[in-house]
Amino acid sequence: MSRLAPDRWRNSKQGSLIDSAGAAAYRAWAIALAATKNLHEENYHYTSDRQRLDVISEYLFVLVHCADRLCSQHFAPEKRHTFIQELSLSCARHLQRNASEILESDNHRKLFILSLIHISEPTRRTPISY
């Protein structure tokens, strides 16, 4: 399992926080993709590429939510907002890039962010903007 260097998160520079969020998004994408492949290996049959991307999205939603809960314990509200917003946007970019190659339609980035906002609405304290 990969880990991000915690000292990078504690750095007061905005850039390193954004870099850490980008790295976390890359790992979240890898985890979601591996989990989706694992479901297939466990005889879960996807009916379409769209369904496979939806499952990846669901994993990403859970991982972003977990990151938000962890950040709420360790970051000041402004840093938490910056980190989670960049994490969400980076996850959306990964999804968009891969979905565009597979499905060649829709704005998957926007749909991902809107779904993430809708899912997190009851617990969201800081807005995610795209």
N, C-alpha and C. Protein backbone atom coordinates (compact mmCIF):
# COMPACT_ATOMS: atom_id res chain seq x y z
N MET A 1 0.85 -1.18 0.00
CA MET A 1 0.00 0.00 0.00
C MET A 1 0.89 1.24 0.00
N SER A 2 0.57 2.19 -0.83
CA SER A 2 1.36 3.42 -0.92
C SER A 2 0.90 4.43 0.12
N ARG A 3 1.84 5.24 0.53
CA ARG A 3 1.52 6.30 1.48
C ARG A 3 2.11 7.61 1.00
N LEU A 4 1.45 8.68 1.32
CA LEU A 4 1.98 10.00 1.03
C LEU A 4 2.80 10.46 2.22
N ALA A 5 3.83 11.21 1.96
CA ALA A 5 4.66 11.71 3.05
C ALA A 5 3.89 12.73 3.87
N PRO A 6 3.60 12.46 5.16
CA PRO A 6 2.80 13.37 5.98
C PRO A 6 3.42 14.77 6.11
N ASP A 7 4.75 14.86 6.06
CA ASP A 7 5.38 16.17 6.20
C ASP A 7 5.04 17.08 5.03
N ARG A 8 4.71 16.53 3.88
CA ARG A 8 4.30 17.36 2.75
C ARG A 8 2.97 18.03 3.03
N TRP A 9 2.09 17.36 3.78
CA TRP A 9 0.78 17.91 4.09
C TRP A 9 0.89 19.05 5.09
N ARG A 10 1.89 18.99 5.92
CA ARG A 10 2.03 19.99 6.97
C ARG A 10 2.75 21.25 6.50
N ASN A 11 3.31 21.21 5.33
CA ASN A 11 4.00 22.36 4.78
C ASN A 11 3.00 23.49 4.57
N SER A 12 3.37 24.69 4.91
CA SER A 12 2.44 25.82 4.83
C SER A 12 2.27 26.33 3.40
N LYS A 13 3.09 25.88 2.47
CA LYS A 13 2.96 26.34 1.10
C LYS A 13 1.74 25.71 0.44
N GLN A 14 0.97 26.53 -0.25
CA GLN A 14 -0.25 26.08 -0.91
C GLN A 14 0.06 25.04 -1.99
N GLY A 15 1.14 25.24 -2.72
CA GLY A 15 1.48 24.34 -3.81
C GLY A 15 1.69 22.91 -3.35
N SER A 16 2.34 22.73 -2.22
CA SER A 16 2.60 21.36 -1.77
C SER A 16 1.31 20.67 -1.33
N LEU A 17 0.36 21.41 -0.81
CA LEU A 17 -0.92 20.84 -0.44
C LEU A 17 -1.66 20.38 -1.70
N ILE A 18 -1.62 21.18 -2.72
CA ILE A 18 -2.25 20.84 -3.99
C ILE A 18 -1.54 19.66 -4.65
N ASP A 19 -0.21 19.64 -4.56
CA ASP A 19 0.55 18.50 -5.09
C ASP A 19 0.17 17.22 -4.35
N SER A 20 0.03 17.31 -3.05
CA SER A 20 -0.35 16.14 -2.25
C SER A 20 -1.75 15.67 -2.63
N ALA A 21 -2.66 16.58 -2.87
CA ALA A 21 -4.01 16.22 -3.28
C ALA A 21 -3.99 15.53 -4.65
N GLY A 22 -3.15 16.03 -5.55
CA GLY A 22 -3.02 15.39 -6.85
C GLY A 22 -2.46 13.98 -6.74
N ALA A 23 -1.46 13.81 -5.86
CA ALA A 23 -0.89 12.48 -5.64
C ALA A 23 -1.92 11.55 -5.00
N ALA A 24 -2.70 12.08 -4.07
CA ALA A 24 -3.75 11.28 -3.43
C ALA A 24 -4.81 10.87 -4.45
N ALA A 25 -5.14 11.76 -5.37
CA ALA A 25 -6.12 11.45 -6.41
C ALA A 25 -5.61 10.33 -7.33
N TYR A 26 -4.33 10.38 -7.64
CA TYR A 26 -3.74 9.33 -8.46
C TYR A 26 -3.85 7.98 -7.76
N ARG A 27 -3.55 7.95 -6.45
CA ARG A 27 -3.65 6.72 -5.68
C ARG A 27 -5.11 6.29 -5.56
N ALA A 28 -6.02 7.25 -5.37
CA ALA A 28 -7.45 6.91 -5.29
C ALA A 28 -7.91 6.27 -6.59
N TRP A 29 -7.47 6.83 -7.72
CA TRP A 29 -7.83 6.25 -9.01
C TRP A 29 -7.31 4.82 -9.11
N ALA A 30 -6.06 4.60 -8.71
CA ALA A 30 -5.47 3.26 -8.78
C ALA A 30 -6.23 2.28 -7.87
N ILE A 31 -6.61 2.73 -6.69
CA ILE A 31 -7.36 1.88 -5.76
C ILE A 31 -8.73 1.55 -6.34
N ALA A 32 -9.43 2.55 -6.87
CA ALA A 32 -10.76 2.34 -7.44
C ALA A 32 -10.70 1.39 -8.64
N LEU A 33 -9.69 1.56 -9.47
CA LEU A 33 -9.54 0.70 -10.63
C LEU A 33 -9.24 -0.74 -10.20
N ALA A 34 -8.35 -0.91 -9.24
CA ALA A 34 -8.01 -2.25 -8.75
C ALA A 34 -9.23 -2.91 -8.10
N ALA A 35 -9.99 -2.16 -7.34
CA ALA A 35 -11.19 -2.72 -6.70
C ALA A 35 -12.23 -3.14 -7.74
N THR A 36 -12.36 -2.33 -8.79
CA THR A 36 -13.31 -2.65 -9.86
C THR A 36 -12.87 -3.91 -10.60
N LYS A 37 -11.58 -4.03 -10.85
CA LYS A 37 -11.06 -5.25 -11.49
C LYS A 37 -11.25 -6.46 -10.58
N ASN A 38 -11.05 -6.25 -9.29
CA ASN A 38 -11.24 -7.34 -8.33
C ASN A 38 -12.68 -7.84 -8.33
N LEU A 39 -13.63 -6.92 -8.43
CA LEU A 39 -15.04 -7.34 -8.52
C LEU A 39 -15.26 -8.24 -9.74
N HIS A 40 -14.65 -7.86 -10.86
CA HIS A 40 -14.77 -8.66 -12.08
C HIS A 40 -14.17 -10.05 -11.88
N GLU A 41 -13.03 -10.11 -11.20
CA GLU A 41 -12.38 -11.40 -10.93
C GLU A 41 -13.21 -12.26 -9.97
N GLU A 42 -14.05 -11.61 -9.17
CA GLU A 42 -14.93 -12.33 -8.25
C GLU A 42 -16.28 -12.65 -8.89
N ASN A 43 -16.31 -12.65 -10.22
CA ASN A 43 -17.48 -13.01 -11.03
C ASN A 43 -18.59 -11.97 -11.05
N TYR A 44 -18.26 -10.72 -10.78
CA TYR A 44 -19.23 -9.65 -11.00
C TYR A 44 -19.10 -9.26 -12.47
N HIS A 45 -20.19 -9.37 -13.19
CA HIS A 45 -20.16 -9.11 -14.62
C HIS A 45 -20.75 -7.73 -14.91
N TYR A 46 -19.96 -6.89 -15.51
CA TYR A 46 -20.42 -5.56 -15.90
C TYR A 46 -21.19 -5.68 -17.20
N THR A 47 -22.31 -4.96 -17.28
CA THR A 47 -23.12 -5.02 -18.50
C THR A 47 -22.61 -4.06 -19.57
N SER A 48 -21.81 -3.08 -19.16
CA SER A 48 -21.30 -2.10 -20.13
C SER A 48 -20.09 -1.37 -19.55
N ASP A 49 -19.39 -0.68 -20.43
CA ASP A 49 -18.28 0.16 -19.97
C ASP A 49 -18.79 1.29 -19.08
N ARG A 50 -19.99 1.79 -19.39
CA ARG A 50 -20.59 2.84 -18.56
C ARG A 50 -20.78 2.36 -17.12
N GLN A 51 -21.26 1.13 -16.97
CA GLN A 51 -21.45 0.58 -15.63
C GLN A 51 -20.11 0.43 -14.91
N ARG A 52 -19.09 0.00 -15.62
CA ARG A 52 -17.76 -0.14 -15.03
C ARG A 52 -17.25 1.21 -14.54
N LEU A 53 -17.45 2.27 -15.33
CA LEU A 53 -17.04 3.62 -14.92
C LEU A 53 -17.87 4.12 -13.74
N ASP A 54 -19.14 3.73 -13.70
CA ASP A 54 -19.98 4.11 -12.56
C ASP A 54 -19.49 3.47 -11.26
N VAL A 55 -19.04 2.22 -11.36
CA VAL A 55 -18.50 1.54 -10.18
C VAL A 55 -17.21 2.22 -9.73
N ILE A 56 -16.35 2.56 -10.68
CA ILE A 56 -15.12 3.30 -10.35
C ILE A 56 -15.48 4.61 -9.66
N SER A 57 -16.48 5.31 -10.19
CA SER A 57 -16.92 6.58 -9.59
C SER A 57 -17.37 6.38 -8.15
N GLU A 58 -18.12 5.33 -7.90
CA GLU A 58 -18.59 5.06 -6.53
C GLU A 58 -17.42 4.84 -5.58
N TYR A 59 -16.44 4.09 -6.03
CA TYR A 59 -15.24 3.92 -5.19
C TYR A 59 -14.56 5.26 -4.94
N LEU A 60 -14.47 6.09 -5.97
CA LEU A 60 -13.85 7.41 -5.79
C LEU A 60 -14.65 8.26 -4.82
N PHE A 61 -15.97 8.19 -4.87
CA PHE A 61 -16.80 8.95 -3.92
C PHE A 61 -16.46 8.55 -2.48
N VAL A 62 -16.36 7.24 -2.25
CA VAL A 62 -16.05 6.75 -0.91
C VAL A 62 -14.67 7.22 -0.47
N LEU A 63 -13.70 7.14 -1.37
CA LEU A 63 -12.33 7.54 -1.01
C LEU A 63 -12.22 9.04 -0.75
N VAL A 64 -12.92 9.85 -1.53
CA VAL A 64 -12.92 11.30 -1.28
C VAL A 64 -13.58 11.59 0.07
N HIS A 65 -14.68 10.91 0.34
CA HIS A 65 -15.37 11.11 1.62
C HIS A 65 -14.47 10.71 2.79
N CYS A 66 -13.78 9.58 2.67
CA CYS A 66 -12.84 9.16 3.73
C CYS A 66 -11.74 10.18 3.92
N ALA A 67 -11.20 10.68 2.82
CA ALA A 67 -10.15 11.71 2.91
C ALA A 67 -10.68 12.96 3.61
N ASP A 68 -11.91 13.33 3.31
CA ASP A 68 -12.51 14.50 3.95
C ASP A 68 -12.63 14.30 5.46
N ARG A 69 -13.06 13.11 5.87
CA ARG A 69 -13.17 12.83 7.31
C ARG A 69 -11.80 12.90 7.98
N LEU A 70 -10.79 12.35 7.33
CA LEU A 70 -9.43 12.41 7.90
C LEU A 70 -8.92 13.85 7.96
N CYS A 71 -9.18 14.60 6.91
CA CYS A 71 -8.73 16.00 6.87
C CYS A 71 -9.42 16.84 7.94
N SER A 72 -10.66 16.51 8.25
CA SER A 72 -11.39 17.28 9.26
C SER A 72 -10.73 17.17 10.62
N GLN A 73 -10.00 16.09 10.85
CA GLN A 73 -9.32 15.89 12.12
C GLN A 73 -7.93 16.51 12.16
N HIS A 74 -7.33 16.77 10.99
CA HIS A 74 -5.93 17.18 10.96
C HIS A 74 -5.66 18.53 10.31
N PHE A 75 -6.61 19.05 9.57
CA PHE A 75 -6.39 20.31 8.84
C PHE A 75 -7.30 21.41 9.36
N ALA A 76 -6.82 22.62 9.24
CA ALA A 76 -7.68 23.77 9.48
C ALA A 76 -8.72 23.79 8.35
N PRO A 77 -9.88 24.40 8.58
CA PRO A 77 -10.95 24.38 7.56
C PRO A 77 -10.51 24.85 6.17
N GLU A 78 -9.70 25.89 6.11
CA GLU A 78 -9.28 26.40 4.79
C GLU A 78 -8.39 25.39 4.06
N LYS A 79 -7.45 24.78 4.79
CA LYS A 79 -6.58 23.76 4.18
C LYS A 79 -7.39 22.53 3.78
N ARG A 80 -8.34 22.16 4.62
CA ARG A 80 -9.20 21.02 4.31
C ARG A 80 -9.96 21.28 3.02
N HIS A 81 -10.54 22.46 2.91
CA HIS A 81 -11.29 22.81 1.70
C HIS A 81 -10.39 22.74 0.46
N THR A 82 -9.20 23.31 0.57
CA THR A 82 -8.27 23.32 -0.57
C THR A 82 -7.90 21.90 -0.96
N PHE A 83 -7.56 21.09 0.02
CA PHE A 83 -7.14 19.71 -0.26
C PHE A 83 -8.27 18.90 -0.88
N ILE A 84 -9.45 18.94 -0.28
CA ILE A 84 -10.57 18.12 -0.76
C ILE A 84 -11.05 18.61 -2.12
N GLN A 85 -11.04 19.91 -2.32
CA GLN A 85 -11.45 20.42 -3.63
C GLN A 85 -10.48 19.94 -4.71
N GLU A 86 -9.19 20.04 -4.45
CA GLU A 86 -8.21 19.59 -5.45
C GLU A 86 -8.25 18.08 -5.63
N LEU A 87 -8.43 17.34 -4.54
CA LEU A 87 -8.57 15.89 -4.64
C LEU A 87 -9.77 15.53 -5.52
N SER A 88 -10.89 16.17 -5.28
CA SER A 88 -12.11 15.91 -6.06
C SER A 88 -11.92 16.24 -7.53
N LEU A 89 -11.34 17.39 -7.79
CA LEU A 89 -11.12 17.81 -9.18
C LEU A 89 -10.13 16.90 -9.89
N SER A 90 -9.10 16.48 -9.18
CA SER A 90 -8.11 15.57 -9.78
C SER A 90 -8.71 14.20 -10.07
N CYS A 91 -9.53 13.71 -9.15
CA CYS A 91 -10.24 12.44 -9.40
C CYS A 91 -11.15 12.58 -10.62
N ALA A 92 -11.82 13.71 -10.72
CA ALA A 92 -12.71 13.96 -11.86
C ALA A 92 -11.92 14.02 -13.16
N ARG A 93 -10.73 14.60 -13.13
CA ARG A 93 -9.89 14.64 -14.34
C ARG A 93 -9.46 13.23 -14.75
N HIS A 94 -9.08 12.40 -13.79
CA HIS A 94 -8.72 11.01 -14.11
C HIS A 94 -9.90 10.30 -14.74
N LEU A 95 -11.07 10.46 -14.15
CA LEU A 95 -12.27 9.83 -14.69
C LEU A 95 -12.57 10.34 -16.09
N GLN A 96 -12.50 11.66 -16.29
CA GLN A 96 -12.79 12.25 -17.59
C GLN A 96 -11.85 11.72 -18.67
N ARG A 97 -10.56 11.71 -18.36
CA ARG A 97 -9.58 11.25 -19.34
C ARG A 97 -9.85 9.81 -19.75
N ASN A 98 -10.09 8.95 -18.78
CA ASN A 98 -10.32 7.54 -19.08
C ASN A 98 -11.69 7.31 -19.72
N ALA A 99 -12.70 8.00 -19.26
CA ALA A 99 -14.04 7.84 -19.84
C ALA A 99 -14.09 8.33 -21.27
N SER A 100 -13.37 9.40 -21.56
CA SER A 100 -13.34 9.93 -22.93
C SER A 100 -12.74 8.93 -23.89
N GLU A 101 -11.73 8.20 -23.44
CA GLU A 101 -11.10 7.18 -24.28
C GLU A 101 -12.04 6.00 -24.52
N ILE A 102 -12.86 5.68 -23.52
CA ILE A 102 -13.73 4.50 -23.61
C ILE A 102 -15.08 4.83 -24.24
N LEU A 103 -15.74 5.89 -23.76
CA LEU A 103 -17.12 6.18 -24.17
C LEU A 103 -17.24 7.29 -25.21
N GLU A 104 -16.26 8.16 -25.26
CA GLU A 104 -16.21 9.26 -26.22
C GLU A 104 -17.45 10.15 -26.20
N SER A 105 -18.05 10.33 -25.03
CA SER A 105 -19.21 11.21 -24.94
C SER A 105 -19.34 11.76 -23.52
N ASP A 106 -20.17 12.75 -23.37
CA ASP A 106 -20.50 13.35 -22.08
C ASP A 106 -19.34 14.09 -21.43
N ASN A 107 -19.70 14.91 -20.49
CA ASN A 107 -18.73 15.61 -19.67
C ASN A 107 -18.68 14.86 -18.34
N HIS A 108 -17.89 13.83 -18.28
CA HIS A 108 -17.83 12.96 -17.10
C HIS A 108 -17.28 13.70 -15.90
N ARG A 109 -16.41 14.66 -16.13
CA ARG A 109 -15.84 15.45 -15.03
C ARG A 109 -16.95 16.18 -14.29
N LYS A 110 -17.79 16.87 -15.05
CA LYS A 110 -18.87 17.64 -14.44
C LYS A 110 -19.88 16.72 -13.76
N LEU A 111 -20.22 15.61 -14.39
CA LEU A 111 -21.16 14.66 -13.80
C LEU A 111 -20.61 14.08 -12.50
N PHE A 112 -19.30 13.80 -12.47
CA PHE A 112 -18.68 13.28 -11.26
C PHE A 112 -18.78 14.30 -10.13
N ILE A 113 -18.42 15.54 -10.40
CA ILE A 113 -18.46 16.58 -9.36
C ILE A 113 -19.89 16.82 -8.88
N LEU A 114 -20.84 16.90 -9.80
CA LEU A 114 -22.23 17.10 -9.39
C LEU A 114 -22.74 15.93 -8.54
N SER A 115 -22.37 14.72 -8.90
CA SER A 115 -22.77 13.55 -8.11
C SER A 115 -22.10 13.58 -6.74
N LEU A 116 -20.84 13.95 -6.71
CA LEU A 116 -20.11 14.03 -5.44
C LEU A 116 -20.75 15.07 -4.52
N ILE A 117 -21.12 16.20 -5.07
CA ILE A 117 -21.79 17.24 -4.29
C ILE A 117 -23.13 16.73 -3.76
N HIS A 118 -23.88 16.06 -4.63
CA HIS A 118 -25.20 15.54 -4.23
C HIS A 118 -25.06 14.50 -3.12
N ILE A 119 -24.10 13.59 -3.26
CA ILE A 119 -23.90 12.54 -2.26
C ILE A 119 -23.47 13.13 -0.93
N SER A 120 -22.60 14.13 -0.96
CA SER A 120 -22.04 14.67 0.28
C SER A 120 -22.88 15.80 0.87
N GLU A 121 -23.97 16.16 0.24
CA GLU A 121 -24.78 17.30 0.68
C GLU A 121 -25.13 17.29 2.17
N PRO A 122 -25.60 16.18 2.75
CA PRO A 122 -25.97 16.21 4.17
C PRO A 122 -24.80 16.47 5.12
N THR A 123 -23.57 16.09 4.71
CA THR A 123 -22.43 16.23 5.62
C THR A 123 -21.46 17.32 5.20
N ARG A 124 -21.68 17.93 4.04
CA ARG A 124 -20.72 18.90 3.51
C ARG A 124 -20.80 20.22 4.28
N ARG A 125 -19.63 20.66 4.72
CA ARG A 125 -19.53 21.95 5.42
C ARG A 125 -18.81 22.99 4.58
N THR A 126 -18.01 22.51 3.63
CA THR A 126 -17.30 23.42 2.76
C THR A 126 -17.69 23.11 1.33
N PRO A 127 -17.97 24.14 0.52
CA PRO A 127 -18.43 23.88 -0.84
C PRO A 127 -17.30 23.39 -1.74
N ILE A 128 -17.65 22.51 -2.67
CA ILE A 128 -16.73 22.09 -3.71
C ILE A 128 -17.16 22.81 -4.97
N SER A 129 -16.26 23.55 -5.55
CA SER A 129 -16.60 24.26 -6.78
C SER A 129 -15.74 23.71 -7.91
N TYR A 130 -16.29 23.73 -9.08
CA TYR A 130 -15.56 23.22 -10.23
C TYR A 130 -15.57 24.28 -11.28
